[in-house]
Amino acid sequence: MNLAQLESEIFSLPIQDRALLAKRLLLSLEEITEPEFDSLWGVASAHHAAEFDVGRVQSISGEDVAKKVRMLLR
């Protein structure tokens, strides 16, 4: 299986499975433990939520993000 085939299969997975896979892939690149990763992810999520709440950032639909990613990967 080549990378293009793998990507096609991955993008056909439900979003929850893709998120879990992304987390596992990121963990494989880092030398931190899963609890450390979860803690850092929680801090980052809280920061981004606060930025959204005060209007410093705007939301983008998952569909729009997926379209942009597909365009970048071409």
N, C-alpha and C. Protein backbone atom coordinates (compact mmCIF):
# COMPACT_ATOMS: atom_id res chain seq x y z
N MET A 1 0.86 -1.18 0.00
CA MET A 1 0.00 0.00 0.00
C MET A 1 0.90 1.23 0.00
N ASN A 2 0.61 2.18 -0.89
CA ASN A 2 1.41 3.41 -0.91
C ASN A 2 0.72 4.50 -0.08
N LEU A 3 1.41 5.63 0.05
CA LEU A 3 0.90 6.71 0.90
C LEU A 3 -0.45 7.24 0.42
N ALA A 4 -0.63 7.38 -0.88
CA ALA A 4 -1.91 7.89 -1.41
C ALA A 4 -3.06 6.95 -1.05
N GLN A 5 -2.83 5.65 -1.15
CA GLN A 5 -3.87 4.69 -0.80
C GLN A 5 -4.17 4.75 0.70
N LEU A 6 -3.11 4.87 1.50
CA LEU A 6 -3.29 4.96 2.94
C LEU A 6 -4.07 6.21 3.32
N GLU A 7 -3.71 7.33 2.71
CA GLU A 7 -4.45 8.58 2.97
C GLU A 7 -5.91 8.43 2.61
N SER A 8 -6.19 7.82 1.48
CA SER A 8 -7.58 7.63 1.05
C SER A 8 -8.35 6.81 2.08
N GLU A 9 -7.74 5.77 2.57
CA GLU A 9 -8.40 4.94 3.59
C GLU A 9 -8.59 5.71 4.88
N ILE A 10 -7.58 6.46 5.28
CA ILE A 10 -7.66 7.21 6.54
C ILE A 10 -8.77 8.26 6.46
N PHE A 11 -8.85 9.00 5.34
CA PHE A 11 -9.86 10.05 5.22
C PHE A 11 -11.27 9.49 5.08
N SER A 12 -11.39 8.20 4.83
CA SER A 12 -12.72 7.60 4.77
C SER A 12 -13.20 7.12 6.15
N LEU A 13 -12.31 7.17 7.14
CA LEU A 13 -12.68 6.77 8.51
C LEU A 13 -13.59 7.81 9.15
N PRO A 14 -14.40 7.41 10.12
CA PRO A 14 -15.18 8.39 10.89
C PRO A 14 -14.24 9.35 11.62
N ILE A 15 -14.71 10.53 11.87
CA ILE A 15 -13.86 11.57 12.47
C ILE A 15 -13.26 11.15 13.82
N GLN A 16 -14.02 10.41 14.61
CA GLN A 16 -13.50 9.97 15.91
C GLN A 16 -12.29 9.05 15.72
N ASP A 17 -12.35 8.17 14.75
CA ASP A 17 -11.23 7.28 14.48
C ASP A 17 -10.03 8.04 13.95
N ARG A 18 -10.28 9.05 13.10
CA ARG A 18 -9.17 9.86 12.57
C ARG A 18 -8.52 10.65 13.69
N ALA A 19 -9.32 11.16 14.62
CA ALA A 19 -8.77 11.91 15.75
C ALA A 19 -7.90 11.01 16.62
N LEU A 20 -8.37 9.81 16.88
CA LEU A 20 -7.59 8.86 17.68
C LEU A 20 -6.29 8.51 16.96
N LEU A 21 -6.37 8.29 15.66
CA LEU A 21 -5.17 7.98 14.89
C LEU A 21 -4.19 9.16 14.91
N ALA A 22 -4.71 10.37 14.75
CA ALA A 22 -3.85 11.56 14.79
C ALA A 22 -3.14 11.66 16.14
N LYS A 23 -3.85 11.41 17.21
CA LYS A 23 -3.25 11.45 18.53
C LYS A 23 -2.14 10.40 18.65
N ARG A 24 -2.41 9.20 18.18
CA ARG A 24 -1.40 8.14 18.25
C ARG A 24 -0.17 8.48 17.40
N LEU A 25 -0.41 9.06 16.22
CA LEU A 25 0.71 9.44 15.37
C LEU A 25 1.55 10.54 16.03
N LEU A 26 0.87 11.54 16.60
CA LEU A 26 1.61 12.60 17.28
C LEU A 26 2.40 12.05 18.46
N LEU A 27 1.80 11.16 19.21
CA LEU A 27 2.51 10.55 20.32
C LEU A 27 3.73 9.78 19.85
N SER A 28 3.64 9.17 18.68
CA SER A 28 4.78 8.40 18.17
C SER A 28 5.95 9.30 17.79
N LEU A 29 5.69 10.58 17.57
CA LEU A 29 6.74 11.52 17.19
C LEU A 29 7.36 12.23 18.38
N GLU A 30 6.70 12.18 19.48
CA GLU A 30 7.15 12.89 20.67
C GLU A 30 7.69 11.91 21.70
N GLU A 31 8.53 12.43 22.53
CA GLU A 31 9.04 11.61 23.62
C GLU A 31 8.41 12.04 24.94
N ILE A 32 7.08 12.14 24.91
CA ILE A 32 6.34 12.45 26.13
C ILE A 32 5.35 11.32 26.38
N THR A 33 4.92 11.23 27.61
CA THR A 33 3.97 10.19 27.96
C THR A 33 2.56 10.61 27.55
N GLU A 34 1.68 9.65 27.48
CA GLU A 34 0.29 9.96 27.12
C GLU A 34 -0.35 10.90 28.14
N PRO A 35 -0.15 10.71 29.46
CA PRO A 35 -0.73 11.68 30.40
C PRO A 35 -0.17 13.10 30.20
N GLU A 36 1.12 13.21 29.86
CA GLU A 36 1.69 14.54 29.59
C GLU A 36 1.05 15.14 28.34
N PHE A 37 0.87 14.31 27.32
CA PHE A 37 0.23 14.76 26.09
C PHE A 37 -1.19 15.25 26.38
N ASP A 38 -1.95 14.46 27.13
CA ASP A 38 -3.32 14.82 27.46
C ASP A 38 -3.37 16.15 28.21
N SER A 39 -2.43 16.33 29.13
CA SER A 39 -2.39 17.58 29.90
C SER A 39 -2.09 18.77 28.98
N LEU A 40 -1.08 18.62 28.12
CA LEU A 40 -0.74 19.70 27.19
C LEU A 40 -1.88 20.00 26.23
N TRP A 41 -2.54 18.95 25.78
CA TRP A 41 -3.67 19.12 24.87
C TRP A 41 -4.79 19.88 25.59
N GLY A 42 -5.01 19.54 26.85
CA GLY A 42 -6.04 20.23 27.64
C GLY A 42 -5.75 21.70 27.81
N VAL A 43 -4.50 22.03 28.09
CA VAL A 43 -4.09 23.42 28.24
C VAL A 43 -4.29 24.18 26.93
N ALA A 44 -3.85 23.57 25.83
CA ALA A 44 -3.99 24.21 24.51
C ALA A 44 -5.46 24.40 24.17
N SER A 45 -6.28 23.40 24.46
CA SER A 45 -7.72 23.49 24.17
C SER A 45 -8.36 24.61 24.96
N ALA A 46 -8.02 24.71 26.23
CA ALA A 46 -8.58 25.78 27.08
C ALA A 46 -8.17 27.15 26.55
N HIS A 47 -6.93 27.27 26.13
CA HIS A 47 -6.44 28.54 25.58
C HIS A 47 -7.21 28.92 24.32
N HIS A 48 -7.37 27.95 23.42
CA HIS A 48 -8.09 28.23 22.18
C HIS A 48 -9.57 28.54 22.43
N ALA A 49 -10.17 27.86 23.38
CA ALA A 49 -11.57 28.13 23.72
C ALA A 49 -11.72 29.55 24.26
N ALA A 50 -10.78 29.97 25.10
CA ALA A 50 -10.82 31.32 25.66
C ALA A 50 -10.66 32.36 24.55
N GLU A 51 -9.76 32.11 23.61
CA GLU A 51 -9.57 33.02 22.48
C GLU A 51 -10.86 33.15 21.66
N PHE A 52 -11.54 32.03 21.48
CA PHE A 52 -12.80 32.04 20.74
C PHE A 52 -13.87 32.81 21.51
N ASP A 53 -13.96 32.57 22.82
CA ASP A 53 -14.98 33.21 23.65
C ASP A 53 -14.89 34.73 23.64
N VAL A 54 -13.67 35.26 23.58
CA VAL A 54 -13.53 36.72 23.58
C VAL A 54 -13.49 37.31 22.18
N GLY A 55 -13.66 36.46 21.16
CA GLY A 55 -13.76 36.95 19.79
C GLY A 55 -12.44 37.19 19.08
N ARG A 56 -11.33 36.69 19.63
CA ARG A 56 -10.03 36.87 18.97
C ARG A 56 -9.85 35.94 17.77
N VAL A 57 -10.57 34.85 17.77
CA VAL A 57 -10.51 33.91 16.64
C VAL A 57 -11.93 33.52 16.25
N GLN A 58 -12.08 33.07 15.02
CA GLN A 58 -13.38 32.62 14.55
C GLN A 58 -13.32 31.13 14.24
N SER A 59 -14.45 30.49 14.32
CA SER A 59 -14.49 29.06 14.02
C SER A 59 -14.51 28.82 12.52
N ILE A 60 -14.03 27.64 12.13
CA ILE A 60 -14.06 27.20 10.75
C ILE A 60 -14.70 25.82 10.76
N SER A 61 -15.61 25.58 9.85
CA SER A 61 -16.29 24.29 9.84
C SER A 61 -15.30 23.17 9.50
N GLY A 62 -15.57 22.00 10.02
CA GLY A 62 -14.74 20.84 9.72
C GLY A 62 -14.69 20.56 8.23
N GLU A 63 -15.80 20.80 7.56
CA GLU A 63 -15.86 20.59 6.11
C GLU A 63 -14.90 21.52 5.38
N ASP A 64 -14.85 22.80 5.80
CA ASP A 64 -13.94 23.75 5.18
C ASP A 64 -12.48 23.38 5.44
N VAL A 65 -12.20 22.93 6.65
CA VAL A 65 -10.84 22.51 6.99
C VAL A 65 -10.43 21.32 6.12
N ALA A 66 -11.32 20.34 5.99
CA ALA A 66 -11.02 19.17 5.18
C ALA A 66 -10.75 19.56 3.73
N LYS A 67 -11.53 20.49 3.19
CA LYS A 67 -11.32 20.95 1.81
C LYS A 67 -9.94 21.58 1.67
N LYS A 68 -9.57 22.43 2.63
CA LYS A 68 -8.26 23.11 2.56
C LYS A 68 -7.13 22.10 2.66
N VAL A 69 -7.28 21.11 3.53
CA VAL A 69 -6.25 20.10 3.67
C VAL A 69 -6.09 19.31 2.38
N ARG A 70 -7.21 18.93 1.78
CA ARG A 70 -7.14 18.19 0.52
C ARG A 70 -6.46 19.00 -0.57
N MET A 71 -6.75 20.31 -0.61
CA MET A 71 -6.11 21.17 -1.61
C MET A 71 -4.60 21.26 -1.37
N LEU A 72 -4.20 21.34 -0.10
CA LEU A 72 -2.77 21.42 0.22
C LEU A 72 -2.04 20.13 -0.08
N LEU A 73 -2.72 19.02 0.02
CA LEU A 73 -2.08 17.71 -0.21
C LEU A 73 -1.97 17.34 -1.68
N ARG A 74 -2.57 18.10 -2.53
CA ARG A 74 -2.52 17.81 -3.97
C ARG A 74 -1.20 18.18 -4.56
